Amino acid sequence: LLYIGTKEQEQLSTIQEISTSYNISKNHLMKVTHEL
């Protein structure tokens, strides 16, 4: 949410870019974003 919140409302983020920024597993983020 913090990562996405840094962008303008209409801008899209990808799980890959979030994964890279935080050095977090893409698979973990897929589960998290699904639930969010």
PDB file of all heavy atoms in Angstrom:
ATOM      1  N   LEU A   1       0.827  -1.214   0.000  1.00  0.00           N
ATOM      2  CA  LEU A   1       0.000   0.000   0.000  1.00  0.00           C
ATOM      3  C   LEU A   1       0.856   1.258   0.000  1.00  0.00           C
ATOM      4  O   LEU A   1       0.541   2.231  -0.704  1.00  0.00           O
ATOM      5  CB  LEU A   1      -0.946  -0.004   1.199  1.00  0.00           C
ATOM      6  CG  LEU A   1      -2.038  -1.071   1.175  1.00  0.00           C
ATOM      7  CD1 LEU A   1      -2.806  -1.082   2.489  1.00  0.00           C
ATOM      8  CD2 LEU A   1      -2.979  -0.876  -0.010  1.00  0.00           C
ATOM      9  N   LEU A   2       1.941   1.255   0.757  1.00  0.00           N
ATOM     10  CA  LEU A   2       2.842   2.413   0.761  1.00  0.00           C
ATOM     11  C   LEU A   2       3.459   2.627  -0.616  1.00  0.00           C
ATOM     12  O   LEU A   2       3.518   3.758  -1.110  1.00  0.00           O
ATOM     13  CB  LEU A   2       3.945   2.237   1.810  1.00  0.00           C
ATOM     14  CG  LEU A   2       3.524   2.475   3.250  1.00  0.00           C
ATOM     15  CD1 LEU A   2       4.559   1.926   4.220  1.00  0.00           C
ATOM     16  CD2 LEU A   2       3.287   3.956   3.488  1.00  0.00           C
ATOM     17  N   TYR A   3       3.912   1.550  -1.229  1.00  0.00           N
ATOM     18  CA  TYR A   3       4.524   1.666  -2.554  1.00  0.00           C
ATOM     19  C   TYR A   3       3.511   2.231  -3.559  1.00  0.00           C
ATOM     20  O   TYR A   3       3.796   3.215  -4.244  1.00  0.00           O
ATOM     21  CB  TYR A   3       5.027   0.302  -3.030  1.00  0.00           C
ATOM     22  CG  TYR A   3       5.770   0.389  -4.340  1.00  0.00           C
ATOM     23  CD1 TYR A   3       7.153   0.492  -4.346  1.00  0.00           C
ATOM     24  CD2 TYR A   3       5.108   0.402  -5.571  1.00  0.00           C
ATOM     25  CE1 TYR A   3       7.857   0.598  -5.542  1.00  0.00           C
ATOM     26  CE2 TYR A   3       5.793   0.510  -6.761  1.00  0.00           C
ATOM     27  CZ  TYR A   3       7.167   0.605  -6.743  1.00  0.00           C
ATOM     28  OH  TYR A   3       7.860   0.722  -7.923  1.00  0.00           O
ATOM     29  N   ILE A   4       2.361   1.617  -3.610  1.00  0.00           N
ATOM     30  CA  ILE A   4       1.337   2.058  -4.564  1.00  0.00           C
ATOM     31  C   ILE A   4       0.906   3.487  -4.259  1.00  0.00           C
ATOM     32  O   ILE A   4       0.650   4.281  -5.158  1.00  0.00           O
ATOM     33  CB  ILE A   4       0.119   1.110  -4.538  1.00  0.00           C
ATOM     34  CG1 ILE A   4       0.520  -0.289  -4.987  1.00  0.00           C
ATOM     35  CG2 ILE A   4      -0.993   1.636  -5.420  1.00  0.00           C
ATOM     36  CD1 ILE A   4      -0.558  -1.329  -4.752  1.00  0.00           C
ATOM     37  N   GLY A   5       0.852   3.810  -2.967  1.00  0.00           N
ATOM     38  CA  GLY A   5       0.430   5.143  -2.550  1.00  0.00           C
ATOM     39  C   GLY A   5       1.377   6.256  -2.955  1.00  0.00           C
ATOM     40  O   GLY A   5       0.989   7.422  -2.978  1.00  0.00           O
ATOM     41  N   THR A   6       2.618   5.905  -3.282  1.00  0.00           N
ATOM     42  CA  THR A   6       3.560   6.951  -3.701  1.00  0.00           C
ATOM     43  C   THR A   6       3.277   7.419  -5.116  1.00  0.00           C
ATOM     44  O   THR A   6       3.774   8.463  -5.534  1.00  0.00           O
ATOM     45  CB  THR A   6       5.028   6.467  -3.632  1.00  0.00           C
ATOM     46  OG1 THR A   6       5.231   5.421  -4.571  1.00  0.00           O
ATOM     47  CG2 THR A   6       5.413   6.039  -2.232  1.00  0.00           C
ATOM     48  N   LYS A   7       2.496   6.653  -5.846  1.00  0.00           N
ATOM     49  CA  LYS A   7       2.183   7.009  -7.232  1.00  0.00           C
ATOM     50  C   LYS A   7       0.884   7.791  -7.302  1.00  0.00           C
ATOM     51  O   LYS A   7       0.088   7.800  -6.366  1.00  0.00           O
ATOM     52  CB  LYS A   7       2.068   5.740  -8.077  1.00  0.00           C
ATOM     53  CG  LYS A   7       3.393   5.008  -8.204  1.00  0.00           C
ATOM     54  CD  LYS A   7       3.329   3.998  -9.310  1.00  0.00           C
ATOM     55  CE  LYS A   7       4.708   3.414  -9.557  1.00  0.00           C
ATOM     56  NZ  LYS A   7       4.713   2.584 -10.761  1.00  0.00           N
ATOM     57  N   GLU A   8       0.677   8.415  -8.427  1.00  0.00           N
ATOM     58  CA  GLU A   8      -0.586   9.119  -8.648  1.00  0.00           C
ATOM     59  C   GLU A   8      -1.710   8.087  -8.719  1.00  0.00           C
ATOM     60  O   GLU A   8      -1.495   6.939  -9.121  1.00  0.00           O
ATOM     61  CB  GLU A   8      -0.515   9.939  -9.936  1.00  0.00           C
ATOM     62  CG  GLU A   8       0.544  11.029  -9.916  1.00  0.00           C
ATOM     63  CD  GLU A   8       0.381  12.014  -8.770  1.00  0.00           C
ATOM     64  OE1 GLU A   8      -0.762  12.398  -8.460  1.00  0.00           O
ATOM     65  OE2 GLU A   8       1.399  12.373  -8.165  1.00  0.00           O
ATOM     66  N   GLN A   9      -2.915   8.482  -8.337  1.00  0.00           N
ATOM     67  CA  GLN A   9      -4.061   7.565  -8.209  1.00  0.00           C
ATOM     68  C   GLN A   9      -4.273   6.686  -9.445  1.00  0.00           C
ATOM     69  O   GLN A   9      -4.562   5.508  -9.323  1.00  0.00           O
ATOM     70  CB  GLN A   9      -5.334   8.362  -7.907  1.00  0.00           C
ATOM     71  CG  GLN A   9      -6.572   7.525  -7.695  1.00  0.00           C
ATOM     72  CD  GLN A   9      -6.583   6.731  -6.400  1.00  0.00           C
ATOM     73  OE1 GLN A   9      -5.952   7.106  -5.431  1.00  0.00           O
ATOM     74  NE2 GLN A   9      -7.300   5.635  -6.395  1.00  0.00           N
ATOM     75  N   GLU A  10      -4.115   7.236 -10.630  1.00  0.00           N
ATOM     76  CA  GLU A  10      -4.411   6.472 -11.854  1.00  0.00           C
ATOM     77  C   GLU A  10      -3.248   5.593 -12.314  1.00  0.00           C
ATOM     78  O   GLU A  10      -3.406   4.742 -13.174  1.00  0.00           O
ATOM     79  CB  GLU A  10      -4.845   7.414 -12.984  1.00  0.00           C
ATOM     80  CG  GLU A  10      -3.742   8.300 -13.528  1.00  0.00           C
ATOM     81  CD  GLU A  10      -3.397   9.526 -12.681  1.00  0.00           C
ATOM     82  OE1 GLU A  10      -4.108   9.811 -11.702  1.00  0.00           O
ATOM     83  OE2 GLU A  10      -2.393  10.190 -13.010  1.00  0.00           O
ATOM     84  N   GLN A  11      -2.067   5.782 -11.734  1.00  0.00           N
ATOM     85  CA  GLN A  11      -0.901   5.022 -12.167  1.00  0.00           C
ATOM     86  C   GLN A  11      -0.932   3.593 -11.654  1.00  0.00           C
ATOM     87  O   GLN A  11      -1.405   3.331 -10.551  1.00  0.00           O
ATOM     88  CB  GLN A  11       0.383   5.685 -11.683  1.00  0.00           C
ATOM     89  CG  GLN A  11       0.728   6.928 -12.454  1.00  0.00           C
ATOM     90  CD  GLN A  11       2.063   7.451 -12.005  1.00  0.00           C
ATOM     91  OE1 GLN A  11       2.151   8.057 -10.953  1.00  0.00           O
ATOM     92  NE2 GLN A  11       3.081   7.182 -12.784  1.00  0.00           N
ATOM     93  N   LEU A  12      -0.418   2.706 -12.468  1.00  0.00           N
ATOM     94  CA  LEU A  12      -0.361   1.292 -12.111  1.00  0.00           C
ATOM     95  C   LEU A  12       1.033   0.916 -11.630  1.00  0.00           C
ATOM     96  O   LEU A  12       2.034   1.478 -12.077  1.00  0.00           O
ATOM     97  CB  LEU A  12      -0.723   0.430 -13.322  1.00  0.00           C
ATOM     98  CG  LEU A  12      -2.134   0.594 -13.867  1.00  0.00           C
ATOM     99  CD1 LEU A  12      -2.290  -0.194 -15.162  1.00  0.00           C
ATOM    100  CD2 LEU A  12      -3.164   0.155 -12.840  1.00  0.00           C
ATOM    101  N   SER A  13       1.075  -0.045 -10.733  1.00  0.00           N
ATOM    102  CA  SER A  13       2.327  -0.645 -10.267  1.00  0.00           C
ATOM    103  C   SER A  13       2.246  -2.125 -10.597  1.00  0.00           C
ATOM    104  O   SER A  13       1.161  -2.681 -10.699  1.00  0.00           O
ATOM    105  CB  SER A  13       2.476  -0.481  -8.756  1.00  0.00           C
ATOM    106  OG  SER A  13       2.536   0.867  -8.391  1.00  0.00           O
ATOM    107  N   THR A  14       3.395  -2.751 -10.730  1.00  0.00           N
ATOM    108  CA  THR A  14       3.406  -4.187 -10.958  1.00  0.00           C
ATOM    109  C   THR A  14       3.974  -4.887  -9.723  1.00  0.00           C
ATOM    110  O   THR A  14       4.752  -4.306  -8.960  1.00  0.00           O
ATOM    111  CB  THR A  14       4.255  -4.578 -12.184  1.00  0.00           C
ATOM    112  OG1 THR A  14       5.623  -4.270 -11.915  1.00  0.00           O
ATOM    113  CG2 THR A  14       3.775  -3.856 -13.444  1.00  0.00           C
ATOM    114  N   ILE A  15       3.585  -6.132  -9.572  1.00  0.00           N
ATOM    115  CA  ILE A  15       4.115  -6.933  -8.476  1.00  0.00           C
ATOM    116  C   ILE A  15       5.632  -7.054  -8.621  1.00  0.00           C
ATOM    117  O   ILE A  15       6.353  -6.990  -7.633  1.00  0.00           O
ATOM    118  CB  ILE A  15       3.427  -8.307  -8.436  1.00  0.00           C
ATOM    119  CG1 ILE A  15       1.969  -8.122  -8.036  1.00  0.00           C
ATOM    120  CG2 ILE A  15       4.144  -9.255  -7.483  1.00  0.00           C
ATOM    121  CD1 ILE A  15       1.119  -9.361  -8.133  1.00  0.00           C
ATOM    122  N   GLN A  16       6.089  -7.161  -9.853  1.00  0.00           N
ATOM    123  CA  GLN A  16       7.534  -7.288 -10.086  1.00  0.00           C
ATOM    124  C   GLN A  16       8.288  -6.058  -9.583  1.00  0.00           C
ATOM    125  O   GLN A  16       9.311  -6.190  -8.926  1.00  0.00           O
ATOM    126  CB  GLN A  16       7.829  -7.516 -11.570  1.00  0.00           C
ATOM    127  CG  GLN A  16       9.311  -7.683 -11.876  1.00  0.00           C
ATOM    128  CD  GLN A  16       9.923  -8.878 -11.161  1.00  0.00           C
ATOM    129  OE1 GLN A  16       9.465  -9.991 -11.314  1.00  0.00           O
ATOM    130  NE2 GLN A  16      10.954  -8.637 -10.359  1.00  0.00           N
ATOM    131  N   GLU A  17       7.800  -4.864  -9.883  1.00  0.00           N
ATOM    132  CA  GLU A  17       8.533  -3.672  -9.440  1.00  0.00           C
ATOM    133  C   GLU A  17       8.489  -3.523  -7.926  1.00  0.00           C
ATOM    134  O   GLU A  17       9.474  -3.102  -7.317  1.00  0.00           O
ATOM    135  CB  GLU A  17       8.052  -2.405 -10.161  1.00  0.00           C
ATOM    136  CG  GLU A  17       6.657  -1.953  -9.814  1.00  0.00           C
ATOM    137  CD  GLU A  17       6.177  -0.785 -10.663  1.00  0.00           C
ATOM    138  OE1 GLU A  17       5.983  -0.966 -11.875  1.00  0.00           O
ATOM    139  OE2 GLU A  17       5.978   0.306 -10.089  1.00  0.00           O
ATOM    140  N   ILE A  18       7.383  -3.898  -7.304  1.00  0.00           N
ATOM    141  CA  ILE A  18       7.294  -3.841  -5.843  1.00  0.00           C
ATOM    142  C   ILE A  18       8.245  -4.874  -5.233  1.00  0.00           C
ATOM    143  O   ILE A  18       8.960  -4.589  -4.280  1.00  0.00           O
ATOM    144  CB  ILE A  18       5.842  -4.063  -5.370  1.00  0.00           C
ATOM    145  CG1 ILE A  18       4.932  -2.952  -5.904  1.00  0.00           C
ATOM    146  CG2 ILE A  18       5.775  -4.121  -3.838  1.00  0.00           C
ATOM    147  CD1 ILE A  18       3.450  -3.214  -5.725  1.00  0.00           C
ATOM    148  N   SER A  19       8.253  -6.068  -5.812  1.00  0.00           N
ATOM    149  CA  SER A  19       9.149  -7.135  -5.364  1.00  0.00           C
ATOM    150  C   SER A  19      10.603  -6.688  -5.427  1.00  0.00           C
ATOM    151  O   SER A  19      11.376  -6.892  -4.487  1.00  0.00           O
ATOM    152  CB  SER A  19       8.938  -8.376  -6.233  1.00  0.00           C
ATOM    153  OG  SER A  19       9.911  -9.344  -5.987  1.00  0.00           O
ATOM    154  N   THR A  20      10.963  -6.056  -6.512  1.00  0.00           N
ATOM    155  CA  THR A  20      12.333  -5.566  -6.687  1.00  0.00           C
ATOM    156  C   THR A  20      12.658  -4.461  -5.688  1.00  0.00           C
ATOM    157  O   THR A  20      13.726  -4.468  -5.068  1.00  0.00           O
ATOM    158  CB  THR A  20      12.537  -5.059  -8.131  1.00  0.00           C
ATOM    159  OG1 THR A  20      12.285  -6.142  -9.035  1.00  0.00           O
ATOM    160  CG2 THR A  20      13.931  -4.517  -8.344  1.00  0.00           C
ATOM    161  N   SER A  21      11.758  -3.532  -5.500  1.00  0.00           N
ATOM    162  CA  SER A  21      12.006  -2.404  -4.592  1.00  0.00           C
ATOM    163  C   SER A  21      12.228  -2.841  -3.149  1.00  0.00           C
ATOM    164  O   SER A  21      13.076  -2.300  -2.452  1.00  0.00           O
ATOM    165  CB  SER A  21      10.847  -1.415  -4.638  1.00  0.00           C
ATOM    166  OG  SER A  21      10.866  -0.700  -5.845  1.00  0.00           O
ATOM    167  N   TYR A  22      11.450  -3.811  -2.710  1.00  0.00           N
ATOM    168  CA  TYR A  22      11.547  -4.266  -1.327  1.00  0.00           C
ATOM    169  C   TYR A  22      12.398  -5.526  -1.151  1.00  0.00           C
ATOM    170  O   TYR A  22      12.622  -5.962  -0.031  1.00  0.00           O
ATOM    171  CB  TYR A  22      10.154  -4.561  -0.767  1.00  0.00           C
ATOM    172  CG  TYR A  22       9.331  -3.350  -0.431  1.00  0.00           C
ATOM    173  CD1 TYR A  22       8.117  -3.117  -1.067  1.00  0.00           C
ATOM    174  CD2 TYR A  22       9.729  -2.446   0.556  1.00  0.00           C
ATOM    175  CE1 TYR A  22       7.327  -2.031  -0.738  1.00  0.00           C
ATOM    176  CE2 TYR A  22       8.947  -1.353   0.885  1.00  0.00           C
ATOM    177  CZ  TYR A  22       7.750  -1.152   0.238  1.00  0.00           C
ATOM    178  OH  TYR A  22       6.972  -0.071   0.574  1.00  0.00           O
ATOM    179  N   ASN A  23      12.814  -6.116  -2.279  1.00  0.00           N
ATOM    180  CA  ASN A  23      13.542  -7.388  -2.241  1.00  0.00           C
ATOM    181  C   ASN A  23      12.724  -8.454  -1.508  1.00  0.00           C
ATOM    182  O   ASN A  23      13.196  -9.114  -0.580  1.00  0.00           O
ATOM    183  CB  ASN A  23      14.922  -7.218  -1.608  1.00  0.00           C
ATOM    184  CG  ASN A  23      15.820  -8.405  -1.883  1.00  0.00           C
ATOM    185  OD1 ASN A  23      15.657  -9.102  -2.876  1.00  0.00           O
ATOM    186  ND2 ASN A  23      16.766  -8.647  -0.984  1.00  0.00           N
ATOM    187  N   ILE A  24      11.464  -8.567  -1.926  1.00  0.00           N
ATOM    188  CA  ILE A  24      10.514  -9.529  -1.363  1.00  0.00           C
ATOM    189  C   ILE A  24      10.112 -10.496  -2.463  1.00  0.00           C
ATOM    190  O   ILE A  24       9.983 -10.107  -3.626  1.00  0.00           O
ATOM    191  CB  ILE A  24       9.250  -8.806  -0.830  1.00  0.00           C
ATOM    192  CG1 ILE A  24       9.603  -7.871   0.325  1.00  0.00           C
ATOM    193  CG2 ILE A  24       8.197  -9.803  -0.396  1.00  0.00           C
ATOM    194  CD1 ILE A  24       8.436  -7.013   0.774  1.00  0.00           C
ATOM    195  N   SER A  25       9.864 -11.722  -2.091  1.00  0.00           N
ATOM    196  CA  SER A  25       9.438 -12.747  -3.030  1.00  0.00           C
ATOM    197  C   SER A  25       8.188 -12.315  -3.807  1.00  0.00           C
ATOM    198  O   SER A  25       7.200 -11.870  -3.219  1.00  0.00           O
ATOM    199  CB  SER A  25       9.135 -14.045  -2.275  1.00  0.00           C
ATOM    200  OG  SER A  25       8.322 -14.900  -3.026  1.00  0.00           O
ATOM    201  N   LYS A  26       8.254 -12.470  -5.104  1.00  0.00           N
ATOM    202  CA  LYS A  26       7.114 -12.154  -5.975  1.00  0.00           C
ATOM    203  C   LYS A  26       5.916 -13.037  -5.618  1.00  0.00           C
ATOM    204  O   LYS A  26       4.773 -12.576  -5.636  1.00  0.00           O
ATOM    205  CB  LYS A  26       7.538 -12.353  -7.431  1.00  0.00           C
ATOM    206  CG  LYS A  26       6.578 -11.826  -8.442  1.00  0.00           C
ATOM    207  CD  LYS A  26       7.180 -11.953  -9.831  1.00  0.00           C
ATOM    208  CE  LYS A  26       6.118 -11.815 -10.881  1.00  0.00           C
ATOM    209  NZ  LYS A  26       6.621 -12.065 -12.223  1.00  0.00           N
ATOM    210  N   ASN A  27       6.184 -14.303  -5.282  1.00  0.00           N
ATOM    211  CA  ASN A  27       5.090 -15.215  -4.916  1.00  0.00           C
ATOM    212  C   ASN A  27       4.364 -14.742  -3.663  1.00  0.00           C
ATOM    213  O   ASN A  27       3.135 -14.811  -3.593  1.00  0.00           O
ATOM    214  CB  ASN A  27       5.618 -16.638  -4.706  1.00  0.00           C
ATOM    215  CG  ASN A  27       6.012 -17.300  -6.002  1.00  0.00           C
ATOM    216  OD1 ASN A  27       5.515 -16.940  -7.073  1.00  0.00           O
ATOM    217  ND2 ASN A  27       6.907 -18.258  -5.930  1.00  0.00           N
ATOM    218  N   HIS A  28       5.102 -14.265  -2.663  1.00  0.00           N
ATOM    219  CA  HIS A  28       4.479 -13.727  -1.451  1.00  0.00           C
ATOM    220  C   HIS A  28       3.597 -12.529  -1.805  1.00  0.00           C
ATOM    221  O   HIS A  28       2.481 -12.405  -1.327  1.00  0.00           O
ATOM    222  CB  HIS A  28       5.538 -13.281  -0.443  1.00  0.00           C
ATOM    223  CG  HIS A  28       6.209 -14.381   0.311  1.00  0.00           C
ATOM    224  ND1 HIS A  28       6.209 -15.683  -0.092  1.00  0.00           N
ATOM    225  CD2 HIS A  28       6.919 -14.351   1.459  1.00  0.00           C
ATOM    226  CE1 HIS A  28       6.884 -16.412   0.771  1.00  0.00           C
ATOM    227  NE2 HIS A  28       7.341 -15.626   1.719  1.00  0.00           N
ATOM    228  N   LEU A  29       4.138 -11.663  -2.646  1.00  0.00           N
ATOM    229  CA  LEU A  29       3.390 -10.451  -3.013  1.00  0.00           C
ATOM    230  C   LEU A  29       2.149 -10.764  -3.826  1.00  0.00           C
ATOM    231  O   LEU A  29       1.150 -10.048  -3.720  1.00  0.00           O
ATOM    232  CB  LEU A  29       4.293  -9.473  -3.762  1.00  0.00           C
ATOM    233  CG  LEU A  29       5.366  -8.807  -2.907  1.00  0.00           C
ATOM    234  CD1 LEU A  29       6.191  -7.846  -3.745  1.00  0.00           C
ATOM    235  CD2 LEU A  29       4.760  -8.089  -1.715  1.00  0.00           C
ATOM    236  N   MET A  30       2.176 -11.817  -4.603  1.00  0.00           N
ATOM    237  CA  MET A  30       0.983 -12.203  -5.366  1.00  0.00           C
ATOM    238  C   MET A  30      -0.149 -12.576  -4.407  1.00  0.00           C
ATOM    239  O   MET A  30      -1.302 -12.176  -4.605  1.00  0.00           O
ATOM    240  CB  MET A  30       1.300 -13.343  -6.330  1.00  0.00           C
ATOM    241  CG  MET A  30       2.136 -12.881  -7.513  1.00  0.00           C
ATOM    242  SD  MET A  30       2.691 -14.211  -8.581  1.00  0.00           S
ATOM    243  CE  MET A  30       1.159 -14.806  -9.227  1.00  0.00           C
ATOM    244  N   LYS A  31       0.170 -13.310  -3.355  1.00  0.00           N
ATOM    245  CA  LYS A  31      -0.835 -13.687  -2.356  1.00  0.00           C
ATOM    246  C   LYS A  31      -1.351 -12.453  -1.622  1.00  0.00           C
ATOM    247  O   LYS A  31      -2.556 -12.297  -1.411  1.00  0.00           O
ATOM    248  CB  LYS A  31      -0.237 -14.676  -1.355  1.00  0.00           C
ATOM    249  CG  LYS A  31       0.108 -16.018  -1.961  1.00  0.00           C
ATOM    250  CD  LYS A  31       0.835 -16.884  -0.953  1.00  0.00           C
ATOM    251  CE  LYS A  31       1.398 -18.117  -1.637  1.00  0.00           C
ATOM    252  NZ  LYS A  31       2.286 -18.872  -0.755  1.00  0.00           N
ATOM    253  N   VAL A  32      -0.429 -11.588  -1.246  1.00  0.00           N
ATOM    254  CA  VAL A  32      -0.792 -10.367  -0.519  1.00  0.00           C
ATOM    255  C   VAL A  32      -1.687  -9.472  -1.373  1.00  0.00           C
ATOM    256  O   VAL A  32      -2.722  -8.993  -0.912  1.00  0.00           O
ATOM    257  CB  VAL A  32       0.488  -9.607  -0.080  1.00  0.00           C
ATOM    258  CG1 VAL A  32       0.182  -8.187   0.352  1.00  0.00           C
ATOM    259  CG2 VAL A  32       1.199 -10.371   1.031  1.00  0.00           C
ATOM    260  N   THR A  33      -1.302  -9.252  -2.632  1.00  0.00           N
ATOM    261  CA  THR A  33      -2.091  -8.362  -3.487  1.00  0.00           C
ATOM    262  C   THR A  33      -3.454  -8.965  -3.800  1.00  0.00           C
ATOM    263  O   THR A  33      -4.437  -8.234  -3.905  1.00  0.00           O
ATOM    264  CB  THR A  33      -1.356  -8.008  -4.795  1.00  0.00           C
ATOM    265  OG1 THR A  33      -1.000  -9.196  -5.484  1.00  0.00           O
ATOM    266  CG2 THR A  33      -0.123  -7.169  -4.510  1.00  0.00           C
ATOM    267  N   HIS A  34      -3.512 -10.275  -3.903  1.00  0.00           N
ATOM    268  CA  HIS A  34      -4.819 -10.929  -4.122  1.00  0.00           C
ATOM    269  C   HIS A  34      -5.760 -10.607  -2.956  1.00  0.00           C
ATOM    270  O   HIS A  34      -6.913 -10.223  -3.162  1.00  0.00           O
ATOM    271  CB  HIS A  34      -4.649 -12.442  -4.290  1.00  0.00           C
ATOM    272  CG  HIS A  34      -5.935 -13.176  -4.365  1.00  0.00           C
ATOM    273  ND1 HIS A  34      -6.743 -13.149  -5.489  1.00  0.00           N
ATOM    274  CD2 HIS A  34      -6.582 -13.934  -3.449  1.00  0.00           C
ATOM    275  CE1 HIS A  34      -7.828 -13.859  -5.259  1.00  0.00           C
ATOM    276  NE2 HIS A  34      -7.751 -14.349  -4.025  1.00  0.00           N
ATOM    277  N   GLU A  35      -5.247 -10.761  -1.739  1.00  0.00           N
ATOM    278  CA  GLU A  35      -6.063 -10.496  -0.550  1.00  0.00           C
ATOM    279  C   GLU A  35      -6.404  -9.011  -0.429  1.00  0.00           C
ATOM    280  O   GLU A  35      -7.540  -8.654  -0.091  1.00  0.00           O
ATOM    281  CB  GLU A  35      -5.342 -10.983   0.704  1.00  0.00           C
ATOM    282  CG  GLU A  35      -6.179 -10.918   1.957  1.00  0.00           C
ATOM    283  CD  GLU A  35      -7.340 -11.887   1.981  1.00  0.00           C
ATOM    284  OE1 GLU A  35      -7.321 -12.904   1.264  1.00  0.00           O
ATOM    285  OE2 GLU A  35      -8.302 -11.622   2.732  1.00  0.00           O
ATOM    286  N   LEU A  36      -5.447  -8.132  -0.703  1.00  0.00           N
ATOM    287  CA  LEU A  36      -5.728  -6.693  -0.656  1.00  0.00           C
ATOM    288  C   LEU A  36      -6.827  -6.324  -1.656  1.00  0.00           C
ATOM    289  O   LEU A  36      -7.676  -5.477  -1.372  1.00  0.00           O
ATOM    290  CB  LEU A  36      -4.460  -5.885  -0.951  1.00  0.00           C
ATOM    291  CG  LEU A  36      -3.413  -5.820   0.154  1.00  0.00           C
ATOM    292  CD1 LEU A  36      -2.109  -5.215  -0.372  1.00  0.00           C
ATOM    293  CD2 LEU A  36      -3.924  -5.024   1.352  1.00  0.00           C
TER     294      LEU A  36
END
